[in-house]
C-alpha atoms as a PDB file:
ATOM      1  CA  UNK A   1      14.381  22.607  -6.395  1.00  0.00           C
ATOM      2  CA  UNK A   2      11.733  24.635  -4.538  1.00  0.00           C
ATOM      3  CA  UNK A   3      12.881  27.704  -2.612  1.00  0.00           C
ATOM      4  CA  UNK A   4      12.705  27.285   1.171  1.00  0.00           C
ATOM      5  CA  UNK A   5      14.498  30.352   2.494  1.00  0.00           C
ATOM      6  CA  UNK A   6      14.340  33.967   1.264  1.00  0.00           C
ATOM      7  CA  UNK A   7      15.580  37.360   2.462  1.00  0.00           C
ATOM      8  CA  UNK A   8      14.354  40.933   2.194  1.00  0.00           C
ATOM      9  CA  UNK A   9      16.222  44.235   2.379  1.00  0.00           C
ATOM     10  CA  UNK A  10      15.412  47.942   2.084  1.00  0.00           C
ATOM     11  CA  UNK A  11      18.092  49.960   0.343  1.00  0.00           C
ATOM     12  CA  UNK A  12      18.943  53.517  -0.698  1.00  0.00           C
ATOM     13  CA  UNK A  13      16.902  56.451   0.571  1.00  0.00           C
ATOM     14  CA  UNK A  14      14.094  55.493   2.936  1.00  0.00           C
ATOM     15  CA  UNK A  15      10.528  55.859   1.681  1.00  0.00           C
ATOM     16  CA  UNK A  16       7.218  55.727   3.570  1.00  0.00           C
ATOM     17  CA  UNK A  17       5.681  52.321   2.943  1.00  0.00           C
ATOM     18  CA  UNK A  18       8.899  50.329   3.041  1.00  0.00           C
ATOM     19  CA  UNK A  19       7.821  48.774   6.326  1.00  0.00           C
ATOM     20  CA  UNK A  20       4.521  47.755   4.784  1.00  0.00           C
ATOM     21  CA  UNK A  21       6.436  46.045   1.974  1.00  0.00           C
ATOM     22  CA  UNK A  22       8.727  44.227   4.427  1.00  0.00           C
ATOM     23  CA  UNK A  23       5.669  43.099   6.397  1.00  0.00           C
ATOM     24  CA  UNK A  24       4.047  41.791   3.222  1.00  0.00           C
ATOM     25  CA  UNK A  25       7.156  39.818   2.240  1.00  0.00           C
ATOM     26  CA  UNK A  26       7.556  38.299   5.697  1.00  0.00           C
ATOM     27  CA  UNK A  27       3.915  37.370   6.230  1.00  0.00           C
ATOM     28  CA  UNK A  28       3.201  36.143   2.711  1.00  0.00           C
ATOM     29  CA  UNK A  29       6.436  34.150   2.689  1.00  0.00           C
ATOM     30  CA  UNK A  30       5.702  32.634   6.073  1.00  0.00           C
ATOM     31  CA  UNK A  31       2.156  31.772   4.988  1.00  0.00           C
ATOM     32  CA  UNK A  32       3.610  29.849   2.051  1.00  0.00           C
ATOM     33  CA  UNK A  33       5.924  27.827   4.272  1.00  0.00           C
ATOM     34  CA  UNK A  34       9.124  29.825   3.699  1.00  0.00           C
ATOM     35  CA  UNK A  35      11.732  30.929   6.192  1.00  0.00           C
ATOM     36  CA  UNK A  36      12.138  34.694   5.768  1.00  0.00           C
ATOM     37  CA  UNK A  37      15.244  36.619   6.795  1.00  0.00           C
ATOM     38  CA  UNK A  38      15.801  40.347   7.117  1.00  0.00           C
ATOM     39  CA  UNK A  39      19.064  41.960   5.979  1.00  0.00           C
ATOM     40  CA  UNK A  40      19.840  45.046   8.040  1.00  0.00           C
ATOM     41  CA  UNK A  41      21.387  48.192   6.513  1.00  0.00           C
ATOM     42  CA  UNK A  42      20.996  46.988   2.931  1.00  0.00           C
ATOM     43  CA  UNK A  43      24.111  45.937   1.012  1.00  0.00           C
ATOM     44  CA  UNK A  44      26.361  47.025   3.875  1.00  0.00           C
ATOM     45  CA  UNK A  45      24.581  44.569   6.153  1.00  0.00           C
ATOM     46  CA  UNK A  46      24.707  41.901   3.475  1.00  0.00           C
ATOM     47  CA  UNK A  47      28.496  42.191   3.198  1.00  0.00           C
ATOM     48  CA  UNK A  48      28.777  42.084   6.994  1.00  0.00           C
ATOM     49  CA  UNK A  49      26.458  39.108   7.314  1.00  0.00           C
ATOM     50  CA  UNK A  50      23.868  41.047   9.336  1.00  0.00           C
ATOM     51  CA  UNK A  51      21.054  38.653   8.460  1.00  0.00           C
ATOM     52  CA  UNK A  52      18.378  37.512  10.939  1.00  0.00           C
ATOM     53  CA  UNK A  53      15.287  35.306  10.799  1.00  0.00           C
ATOM     54  CA  UNK A  54      12.009  37.247  10.845  1.00  0.00           C
ATOM     55  CA  UNK A  55       8.594  35.983  11.905  1.00  0.00           C
ATOM     56  CA  UNK A  56       5.108  37.427  11.650  1.00  0.00           C
ATOM     57  CA  UNK A  57       5.486  38.796  15.162  1.00  0.00           C
ATOM     58  CA  UNK A  58       8.576  40.777  14.132  1.00  0.00           C
ATOM     59  CA  UNK A  59       6.528  42.787  11.636  1.00  0.00           C
ATOM     60  CA  UNK A  60       3.455  43.235  13.810  1.00  0.00           C
ATOM     61  CA  UNK A  61       2.325  46.871  13.975  1.00  0.00           C
ATOM     62  CA  UNK A  62       4.842  48.260  11.471  1.00  0.00           C
ATOM     63  CA  UNK A  63       2.504  48.762   8.521  1.00  0.00           C
ATOM     64  CA  UNK A  64       1.781  52.346   9.570  1.00  0.00           C
ATOM     65  CA  UNK A  65       5.317  53.320  10.535  1.00  0.00           C
ATOM     66  CA  UNK A  66       7.525  55.514   8.383  1.00  0.00           C
ATOM     67  CA  UNK A  67      11.168  54.729   7.662  1.00  0.00           C
ATOM     68  CA  UNK A  68      12.292  51.118   7.660  1.00  0.00           C
ATOM     69  CA  UNK A  69      12.835  48.750  10.569  1.00  0.00           C
ATOM     70  CA  UNK A  70      15.589  47.048   8.564  1.00  0.00           C
ATOM     71  CA  UNK A  71      17.326  50.409   8.203  1.00  0.00           C
ATOM     72  CA  UNK A  72      19.139  51.360   5.037  1.00  0.00           C
ATOM     73  CA  UNK A  73      22.553  52.509   3.852  1.00  0.00           C
ATOM     74  CA  UNK A  74      24.470  53.248   0.690  1.00  0.00           C
ATOM     75  CA  UNK A  75      27.474  51.075  -0.104  1.00  0.00           C
ATOM     76  CA  UNK A  76      30.222  51.650  -2.656  1.00  0.00           C
ATOM     77  CA  UNK A  77      31.917  48.268  -2.205  1.00  0.00           C
ATOM     78  CA  UNK A  78      28.917  46.373  -3.521  1.00  0.00           C
ATOM     79  CA  UNK A  79      29.250  48.210  -6.830  1.00  0.00           C
ATOM     80  CA  UNK A  80      32.453  46.235  -7.486  1.00  0.00           C
ATOM     81  CA  UNK A  81      32.754  42.655  -8.742  1.00  0.00           C
ATOM     82  CA  UNK A  82      34.569  41.702  -5.560  1.00  0.00           C
ATOM     83  CA  UNK A  83      31.839  43.174  -3.365  1.00  0.00           C
ATOM     84  CA  UNK A  84      29.067  41.444  -5.305  1.00  0.00           C
ATOM     85  CA  UNK A  85      30.764  38.062  -5.041  1.00  0.00           C
ATOM     86  CA  UNK A  86      31.308  38.617  -1.336  1.00  0.00           C
ATOM     87  CA  UNK A  87      27.613  39.416  -0.960  1.00  0.00           C
ATOM     88  CA  UNK A  88      26.692  36.244  -2.806  1.00  0.00           C
ATOM     89  CA  UNK A  89      28.969  34.288  -0.481  1.00  0.00           C
ATOM     90  CA  UNK A  90      27.157  35.727   2.561  1.00  0.00           C
ATOM     91  CA  UNK A  91      23.787  34.696   1.124  1.00  0.00           C
ATOM     92  CA  UNK A  92      25.049  31.182   0.511  1.00  0.00           C
ATOM     93  CA  UNK A  93      26.509  31.000   4.016  1.00  0.00           C
ATOM     94  CA  UNK A  94      23.034  31.661   5.429  1.00  0.00           C
ATOM     95  CA  UNK A  95      21.318  29.298   3.028  1.00  0.00           C
ATOM     96  CA  UNK A  96      19.333  32.102   1.413  1.00  0.00           C
ATOM     97  CA  UNK A  97      17.859  30.983  -1.910  1.00  0.00           C
ATOM     98  CA  UNK A  98      16.088  34.127  -3.084  1.00  0.00           C
ATOM     99  CA  UNK A  99      15.835  37.799  -2.158  1.00  0.00           C
ATOM    100  CA  UNK A 100      13.511  40.805  -2.431  1.00  0.00           C
ATOM    101  CA  UNK A 101      15.229  44.183  -2.724  1.00  0.00           C
ATOM    102  CA  UNK A 102      13.103  47.257  -1.997  1.00  0.00           C
ATOM    103  CA  UNK A 103      14.656  50.533  -3.095  1.00  0.00           C
ATOM    104  CA  UNK A 104      15.512  52.984  -5.839  1.00  0.00           C
ATOM    105  CA  UNK A 105      17.672  52.982  -8.935  1.00  0.00           C
ATOM    106  CA  UNK A 106      20.980  52.122  -7.239  1.00  0.00           C
ATOM    107  CA  UNK A 107      19.356  49.432  -5.117  1.00  0.00           C
ATOM    108  CA  UNK A 108      17.795  47.821  -8.158  1.00  0.00           C
ATOM    109  CA  UNK A 109      21.141  47.868  -9.978  1.00  0.00           C
ATOM    110  CA  UNK A 110      22.585  45.931  -7.051  1.00  0.00           C
ATOM    111  CA  UNK A 111      19.753  43.430  -7.358  1.00  0.00           C
ATOM    112  CA  UNK A 112      20.441  43.107 -11.076  1.00  0.00           C
ATOM    113  CA  UNK A 113      24.097  42.337 -10.390  1.00  0.00           C
ATOM    114  CA  UNK A 114      23.100  39.424  -8.134  1.00  0.00           C
ATOM    115  CA  UNK A 115      20.678  38.158 -10.773  1.00  0.00           C
ATOM    116  CA  UNK A 116      23.480  38.182 -13.333  1.00  0.00           C
ATOM    117  CA  UNK A 117      25.542  36.058 -10.947  1.00  0.00           C
ATOM    118  CA  UNK A 118      22.760  33.498 -11.001  1.00  0.00           C
ATOM    119  CA  UNK A 119      21.082  34.384  -7.703  1.00  0.00           C
ATOM    120  CA  UNK A 120      17.255  34.656  -7.721  1.00  0.00           C
ATOM    121  CA  UNK A 121      16.209  38.209  -6.898  1.00  0.00           C
ATOM    122  CA  UNK A 122      13.109  40.372  -7.325  1.00  0.00           C
ATOM    123  CA  UNK A 123      13.106  44.144  -7.001  1.00  0.00           C
ATOM    124  CA  UNK A 124      10.401  46.476  -5.687  1.00  0.00           C
ATOM    125  CA  UNK A 125      10.522  50.222  -6.475  1.00  0.00           C
ATOM    126  CA  UNK A 126      10.837  52.286  -3.301  1.00  0.00           C
ATOM    127  CA  UNK A 127      11.677  55.935  -4.017  1.00  0.00           C
ATOM    128  CA  UNK A 128       9.830  59.152  -3.201  1.00  0.00           C
ATOM    129  CA  UNK A 129      11.198  60.715  -6.413  1.00  0.00           C
ATOM    130  CA  UNK A 130       9.056  58.508  -8.685  1.00  0.00           C
ATOM    131  CA  UNK A 131      11.983  58.422 -11.104  1.00  0.00           C
ATOM    132  CA  UNK A 132      12.026  54.642 -11.659  1.00  0.00           C
ATOM    133  CA  UNK A 133      10.992  53.676 -15.169  1.00  0.00           C
ATOM    134  CA  UNK A 134       8.391  51.045 -16.122  1.00  0.00           C
ATOM    135  CA  UNK A 135       6.153  51.654 -13.105  1.00  0.00           C
ATOM    136  CA  UNK A 136       3.414  54.244 -12.750  1.00  0.00           C
ATOM    137  CA  UNK A 137       4.151  54.682  -9.063  1.00  0.00           C
ATOM    138  CA  UNK A 138       6.861  53.794  -6.563  1.00  0.00           C
ATOM    139  CA  UNK A 139       6.478  53.119  -2.849  1.00  0.00           C
ATOM    140  CA  UNK A 140       6.608  56.364  -0.844  1.00  0.00           C
ATOM    141  CA  UNK A 141       5.687  58.829  -3.603  1.00  0.00           C
ATOM    142  CA  UNK A 142       2.111  59.449  -2.499  1.00  0.00           C
ATOM    143  CA  UNK A 143       3.088  60.086   1.124  1.00  0.00           C
ATOM    144  CA  UNK A 144       5.885  62.462   0.144  1.00  0.00           C
ATOM    145  CA  UNK A 145       3.559  64.370  -2.162  1.00  0.00           C
ATOM    146  CA  UNK A 146       0.957  64.735   0.578  1.00  0.00           C
ATOM    147  CA  UNK A 147       3.656  66.012   2.947  1.00  0.00           C
ATOM    148  CA  UNK A 148       4.723  68.612   0.380  1.00  0.00           C
ATOM    149  CA  UNK A 149       1.125  69.680  -0.190  1.00  0.00           C
ATOM    150  CA  UNK A 150       0.498  70.170   3.520  1.00  0.00           C
ATOM    151  CA  UNK A 151       3.655  72.285   3.812  1.00  0.00           C
ATOM    152  CA  UNK A 152       2.679  74.312   0.750  1.00  0.00           C
ATOM    153  CA  UNK A 153      -0.772  75.048   2.176  1.00  0.00           C
ATOM    154  CA  UNK A 154       0.762  76.198   5.452  1.00  0.00           C
ATOM    155  CA  UNK A 155       3.318  78.383   3.700  1.00  0.00           C
ATOM    156  CA  UNK A 156       0.580  80.005   1.616  1.00  0.00           C
ATOM    157  CA  UNK A 157      -1.109  81.112   4.847  1.00  0.00           C
ATOM    158  CA  UNK A 158       1.958  82.989   6.051  1.00  0.00           C
ATOM    159  CA  UNK A 159       2.847  84.214   2.551  1.00  0.00           C
ATOM    160  CA  UNK A 160      -0.597  85.820   2.271  1.00  0.00           C
ATOM    161  CA  UNK A 161      -0.386  87.303   5.744  1.00  0.00           C
ATOM    162  CA  UNK A 162       2.928  89.035   5.046  1.00  0.00           C
ATOM    163  CA  UNK A 163       2.568  89.623   1.280  1.00  0.00           C
ATOM    164  CA  UNK A 164       5.630  87.614   0.345  1.00  0.00           C
ATOM    165  CA  UNK A 165       6.905  85.482  -2.502  1.00  0.00           C
ATOM    166  CA  UNK A 166       7.990  82.032  -1.394  1.00  0.00           C
ATOM    167  CA  UNK A 167      10.241  79.603  -3.206  1.00  0.00           C
ATOM    168  CA  UNK A 168       9.721  76.045  -1.972  1.00  0.00           C
ATOM    169  CA  UNK A 169      12.429  73.512  -2.801  1.00  0.00           C
ATOM    170  CA  UNK A 170      11.360  69.865  -2.974  1.00  0.00           C
ATOM    171  CA  UNK A 171      13.309  66.657  -3.506  1.00  0.00           C
ATOM    172  CA  UNK A 172      13.571  64.724  -6.743  1.00  0.00           C
ATOM    173  CA  UNK A 173      17.246  64.715  -7.775  1.00  0.00           C
ATOM    174  CA  UNK A 174      17.064  64.779 -11.590  1.00  0.00           C
ATOM    175  CA  UNK A 175      13.323  64.055 -11.700  1.00  0.00           C
ATOM    176  CA  UNK A 176      10.729  66.825 -11.404  1.00  0.00           C
ATOM    177  CA  UNK A 177       7.705  64.627 -10.619  1.00  0.00           C
ATOM    178  CA  UNK A 178       7.169  65.785  -7.017  1.00  0.00           C
ATOM    179  CA  UNK A 179       7.593  69.438  -7.947  1.00  0.00           C
ATOM    180  CA  UNK A 180       5.288  69.174 -10.945  1.00  0.00           C
ATOM    181  CA  UNK A 181       2.517  67.351  -9.094  1.00  0.00           C
ATOM    182  CA  UNK A 182       2.782  69.682  -6.086  1.00  0.00           C
ATOM    183  CA  UNK A 183       2.455  72.660  -8.405  1.00  0.00           C
ATOM    184  CA  UNK A 184      -0.622  71.206 -10.102  1.00  0.00           C
ATOM    185  CA  UNK A 185      -2.525  70.383  -6.919  1.00  0.00           C
ATOM    186  CA  UNK A 186      -1.073  73.157  -4.762  1.00  0.00           C
ATOM    187  CA  UNK A 187      -1.765  76.097  -7.030  1.00  0.00           C
ATOM    188  CA  UNK A 188       1.782  77.426  -7.441  1.00  0.00           C
ATOM    189  CA  UNK A 189       2.443  80.268  -9.872  1.00  0.00           C
ATOM    190  CA  UNK A 190       5.423  78.492 -11.418  1.00  0.00           C
ATOM    191  CA  UNK A 191       7.238  75.169 -11.205  1.00  0.00           C
ATOM    192  CA  UNK A 192      10.932  74.745 -12.042  1.00  0.00           C
ATOM    193  CA  UNK A 193      12.104  71.227 -12.854  1.00  0.00           C
ATOM    194  CA  UNK A 194      15.278  69.562 -14.221  1.00  0.00           C
ATOM    195  CA  UNK A 195      13.463  68.443 -17.367  1.00  0.00           C
ATOM    196  CA  UNK A 196      12.762  72.037 -18.461  1.00  0.00           C
ATOM    197  CA  UNK A 197      15.432  74.746 -17.994  1.00  0.00           C
ATOM    198  CA  UNK A 198      13.933  78.153 -17.244  1.00  0.00           C
ATOM    199  CA  UNK A 199      14.904  81.817 -17.500  1.00  0.00           C
ATOM    200  CA  UNK A 200      15.296  83.777 -14.290  1.00  0.00           C
ATOM    201  CA  UNK A 201      13.858  86.867 -15.947  1.00  0.00           C
ATOM    202  CA  UNK A 202      10.610  84.991 -16.484  1.00  0.00           C
ATOM    203  CA  UNK A 203      10.181  84.624 -12.727  1.00  0.00           C
ATOM    204  CA  UNK A 204      10.531  88.357 -12.206  1.00  0.00           C
ATOM    205  CA  UNK A 205       7.770  88.965 -14.740  1.00  0.00           C
ATOM    206  CA  UNK A 206       5.468  86.444 -13.030  1.00  0.00           C
ATOM    207  CA  UNK A 207       5.956  87.992  -9.579  1.00  0.00           C
ATOM    208  CA  UNK A 208       5.576  91.565 -10.848  1.00  0.00           C
ATOM    209  CA  UNK A 209       2.402  90.592 -12.683  1.00  0.00           C
ATOM    210  CA  UNK A 210       0.962  88.992  -9.541  1.00  0.00           C
ATOM    211  CA  UNK A 211       1.828  92.099  -7.509  1.00  0.00           C
ATOM    212  CA  UNK A 212       0.293  94.508 -10.028  1.00  0.00           C
ATOM    213  CA  UNK A 213      -2.901  92.422 -10.180  1.00  0.00           C
ATOM    214  CA  UNK A 214      -3.282  92.812  -6.425  1.00  0.00           C
ATOM    215  CA  UNK A 215      -2.371  89.300  -5.304  1.00  0.00           C
ATOM    216  CA  UNK A 216      -1.106  89.133  -1.745  1.00  0.00           C
ATOM    217  CA  UNK A 217       1.405  86.323  -2.299  1.00  0.00           C
ATOM    218  CA  UNK A 218       3.293  84.350  -4.925  1.00  0.00           C
ATOM    219  CA  UNK A 219       4.556  80.782  -4.648  1.00  0.00           C
ATOM    220  CA  UNK A 220       7.140  79.014  -6.798  1.00  0.00           C
ATOM    221  CA  UNK A 221       8.102  75.359  -6.468  1.00  0.00           C
ATOM    222  CA  UNK A 222      11.584  74.291  -7.508  1.00  0.00           C
ATOM    223  CA  UNK A 223      12.967  70.768  -7.733  1.00  0.00           C
ATOM    224  CA  UNK A 224      16.396  70.348  -6.156  1.00  0.00           C
ATOM    225  CA  UNK A 225      17.924  69.373  -9.505  1.00  0.00           C
ATOM    226  CA  UNK A 226      16.497  72.288 -11.508  1.00  0.00           C
ATOM    227  CA  UNK A 227      18.758  74.616 -13.470  1.00  0.00           C
ATOM    228  CA  UNK A 228      19.386  77.399 -12.610  1.00  0.00           C
ATOM    229  CA  UNK A 229      19.606  76.185  -9.019  1.00  0.00           C
ATOM    230  CA  UNK A 230      17.688  77.246  -5.938  1.00  0.00           C
ATOM    231  CA  UNK A 231      20.284  79.587  -4.458  1.00  0.00           C
ATOM    232  CA  UNK A 232      20.940  81.277  -7.772  1.00  0.00           C
ATOM    233  CA  UNK A 233      17.214  81.779  -8.246  1.00  0.00           C
ATOM    234  CA  UNK A 234      16.668  83.284  -4.798  1.00  0.00           C
ATOM    235  CA  UNK A 235      19.685  85.623  -5.093  1.00  0.00           C
ATOM    236  CA  UNK A 236      18.522  86.816  -8.518  1.00  0.00           C
ATOM    237  CA  UNK A 237      14.995  87.638  -7.336  1.00  0.00           C
ATOM    238  CA  UNK A 238      16.230  89.467  -4.242  1.00  0.00           C
ATOM    239  CA  UNK A 239      18.259  91.799  -6.435  1.00  0.00           C
ATOM    240  CA  UNK A 240      15.139  93.033  -8.210  1.00  0.00           C
ATOM    241  CA  UNK A 241      12.367  95.337  -7.018  1.00  0.00           C
ATOM    242  CA  UNK A 242       9.465  92.950  -7.500  1.00  0.00           C
ATOM    243  CA  UNK A 243       6.999  94.189  -4.888  1.00  0.00           C
ATOM    244  CA  UNK A 244       7.223  91.136  -2.639  1.00  0.00           C
ATOM    245  CA  UNK A 245       9.878  90.085  -0.175  1.00  0.00           C
ATOM    246  CA  UNK A 246      11.360  86.751  -1.240  1.00  0.00           C
ATOM    247  CA  UNK A 247      11.612  83.836   1.197  1.00  0.00           C
ATOM    248  CA  UNK A 248      13.003  80.341   0.704  1.00  0.00           C
ATOM    249  CA  UNK A 249      11.800  77.120   2.316  1.00  0.00           C
ATOM    250  CA  UNK A 250      13.756  73.910   1.717  1.00  0.00           C
ATOM    251  CA  UNK A 251      11.593  70.965   2.752  1.00  0.00           C
ATOM    252  CA  UNK A 252      14.518  68.536   2.635  1.00  0.00           C
ATOM    253  CA  UNK A 253      14.230  65.244   4.506  1.00  0.00           C
ATOM    254  CA  UNK A 254      10.874  66.247   5.963  1.00  0.00           C
ATOM    255  CA  UNK A 255       9.475  64.728   2.758  1.00  0.00           C
ATOM    256  CA  UNK A 256      10.889  61.272   3.516  1.00  0.00           C
ATOM    257  CA  UNK A 257       9.384  60.736   6.947  1.00  0.00           C
ATOM    258  CA  UNK A 258       5.938  60.259   8.374  1.00  0.00           C
ATOM    259  CA  UNK A 259       3.229  57.631   8.402  1.00  0.00           C
ATOM    260  CA  UNK A 260       2.533  56.233   4.930  1.00  0.00           C
ATOM    261  CA  UNK A 261      -0.787  57.073   3.318  1.00  0.00           C
ATOM    262  CA  UNK A 262      -3.435  54.430   2.669  1.00  0.00           C
ATOM    263  CA  UNK A 263      -2.344  54.375  -0.981  1.00  0.00           C
ATOM    264  CA  UNK A 264       1.297  53.666  -0.098  1.00  0.00           C
ATOM    265  CA  UNK A 265       0.380  50.990   2.430  1.00  0.00           C
ATOM    266  CA  UNK A 266      -1.748  49.168  -0.121  1.00  0.00           C
ATOM    267  CA  UNK A 267       0.760  49.603  -2.957  1.00  0.00           C
ATOM    268  CA  UNK A 268       3.643  48.324  -0.804  1.00  0.00           C
ATOM    269  CA  UNK A 269       1.593  45.390   0.446  1.00  0.00           C
ATOM    270  CA  UNK A 270       0.536  44.303  -3.018  1.00  0.00           C
ATOM    271  CA  UNK A 271       4.079  44.672  -4.363  1.00  0.00           C
ATOM    272  CA  UNK A 272       5.606  42.716  -1.468  1.00  0.00           C
ATOM    273  CA  UNK A 273       3.193  39.813  -1.897  1.00  0.00           C
ATOM    274  CA  UNK A 274       3.719  39.709  -5.670  1.00  0.00           C
ATOM    275  CA  UNK A 275       7.508  39.688  -5.200  1.00  0.00           C
ATOM    276  CA  UNK A 276       7.280  36.540  -3.066  1.00  0.00           C
ATOM    277  CA  UNK A 277       4.948  34.901  -5.568  1.00  0.00           C
ATOM    278  CA  UNK A 278       7.444  35.557  -8.379  1.00  0.00           C
ATOM    279  CA  UNK A 279      10.313  33.986  -6.431  1.00  0.00           C
ATOM    280  CA  UNK A 280       8.207  30.897  -5.771  1.00  0.00           C
ATOM    281  CA  UNK A 281       7.446  30.687  -9.490  1.00  0.00           C
ATOM    282  CA  UNK A 282      11.170  30.604 -10.249  1.00  0.00           C
ATOM    283  CA  UNK A 283      11.254  34.138 -11.672  1.00  0.00           C
ATOM    284  CA  UNK A 284      14.364  36.296 -11.217  1.00  0.00           C
ATOM    285  CA  UNK A 285      15.679  39.643 -12.440  1.00  0.00           C
ATOM    286  CA  UNK A 286      12.234  41.234 -12.445  1.00  0.00           C
ATOM    287  CA  UNK A 287      10.870  44.333 -10.675  1.00  0.00           C
ATOM    288  CA  UNK A 288       7.305  44.371  -9.429  1.00  0.00           C
ATOM    289  CA  UNK A 289       5.535  47.424 -10.806  1.00  0.00           C
ATOM    290  CA  UNK A 290       2.237  49.248 -11.071  1.00  0.00           C
ATOM    291  CA  UNK A 291       0.628  49.468 -14.501  1.00  0.00           C
ATOM    292  CA  UNK A 292      -2.643  51.343 -14.258  1.00  0.00           C
ATOM    293  CA  UNK A 293      -4.379  49.689 -11.314  1.00  0.00           C
ATOM    294  CA  UNK A 294      -2.639  46.327 -11.773  1.00  0.00           C
ATOM    295  CA  UNK A 295       0.451  44.992 -10.026  1.00  0.00           C
ATOM    296  CA  UNK A 296       2.648  43.182 -12.518  1.00  0.00           C
ATOM    297  CA  UNK A 297       6.386  42.936 -13.226  1.00  0.00           C
ATOM    298  CA  UNK A 298       9.031  44.142 -15.653  1.00  0.00           C
ATOM    299  CA  UNK A 299      12.730  43.311 -16.216  1.00  0.00           C
ATOM    300  CA  UNK A 300      14.958  45.191 -13.765  1.00  0.00           C
ATOM    301  CA  UNK A 301      17.387  45.821 -16.600  1.00  0.00           C
ATOM    302  CA  UNK A 302      14.736  47.794 -18.463  1.00  0.00           C
ATOM    303  CA  UNK A 303      13.604  49.654 -15.349  1.00  0.00           C
ATOM    304  CA  UNK A 304      17.098  50.999 -14.625  1.00  0.00           C
ATOM    305  CA  UNK A 305      18.004  51.713 -18.256  1.00  0.00           C
ATOM    306  CA  UNK A 306      16.371  55.154 -18.226  1.00  0.00           C
ATOM    307  CA  UNK A 307      14.677  57.642 -15.927  1.00  0.00           C
ATOM    308  CA  UNK A 308      10.910  57.667 -15.815  1.00  0.00           C
ATOM    309  CA  UNK A 309       9.629  60.441 -18.084  1.00  0.00           C
ATOM    310  CA  UNK A 310       7.094  63.029 -16.979  1.00  0.00           C
ATOM    311  CA  UNK A 311       3.656  62.972 -18.562  1.00  0.00           C
ATOM    312  CA  UNK A 312       3.576  65.711 -21.276  1.00  0.00           C
ATOM    313  CA  UNK A 313      -0.075  66.346 -20.434  1.00  0.00           C
ATOM    314  CA  UNK A 314       0.835  67.161 -16.827  1.00  0.00           C
ATOM    315  CA  UNK A 315       3.474  69.625 -18.030  1.00  0.00           C
ATOM    316  CA  UNK A 316       0.864  71.270 -20.240  1.00  0.00           C
ATOM    317  CA  UNK A 317      -1.632  71.452 -17.391  1.00  0.00           C
ATOM    318  CA  UNK A 318       0.931  73.118 -15.103  1.00  0.00           C
ATOM    319  CA  UNK A 319       1.386  75.894 -17.659  1.00  0.00           C
ATOM    320  CA  UNK A 320      -2.351  76.345 -18.202  1.00  0.00           C
ATOM    321  CA  UNK A 321      -3.301  76.412 -14.528  1.00  0.00           C
ATOM    322  CA  UNK A 322      -0.443  78.534 -13.157  1.00  0.00           C
END
């Protein structure tokens, strides 16, 4: 039986480009004769039955907006068998026959649970961390990286003016992608990431070397999940006479907001359209993904089975260029 009614949700941490993906699902679905519904506040809204019909007019003008008009939330109840069955009941009550879930690792695991219950679902990777396996890029990564780079450039100006060493903490949880890429294109002296533990004494040597060579600043980038942690690193450096005053900037949720870049708008649009196409083809349990320049798909189960690994060549380049 052909699908007539589908839903879309954004789940987990918000990512720039999510609105573009929602717009693509709604407009491509509508163009193919489907009724499209939006689920507000992710799995929390699903359990509460917060599901409303969306038309092309509802998504007009949102392609360039950050955040997500459907809002998002984290939900512990949906991780249980009881919660998943309750969610399936809500979908059936509204006559929903397929769903697109846009979000990160936890969101995709929720989608996988519905697939295993026999409900057609397609996932789309939306996470600024770029930690989702089996896709070269996730929605929101490019925008977040550009935000970090702009902040880094601004901090370098003041670091040079005052002859200071700055430690910039970026997001990424257990994945160092944002930190590594920001270091490569931002010209940091050192990057500290979860994938590679580092010695605090090494940082002292780097700063002292920069000071002796006459540099007027020094910038380190640290991922929030790196070990040793940010506070420990800052306290250690401040206890040593290294020539520069040490300052810390935590970018925090600044990295999540803002208007999505052209790359993220296009990526989200292409992924949203492909997700609808897969549902219409009777496909379920797959995540749309980027492989090179192509948009394709991969089993959700494989995508959530491991964290996306960093490119060894990028790690090598960071060491050479620092």
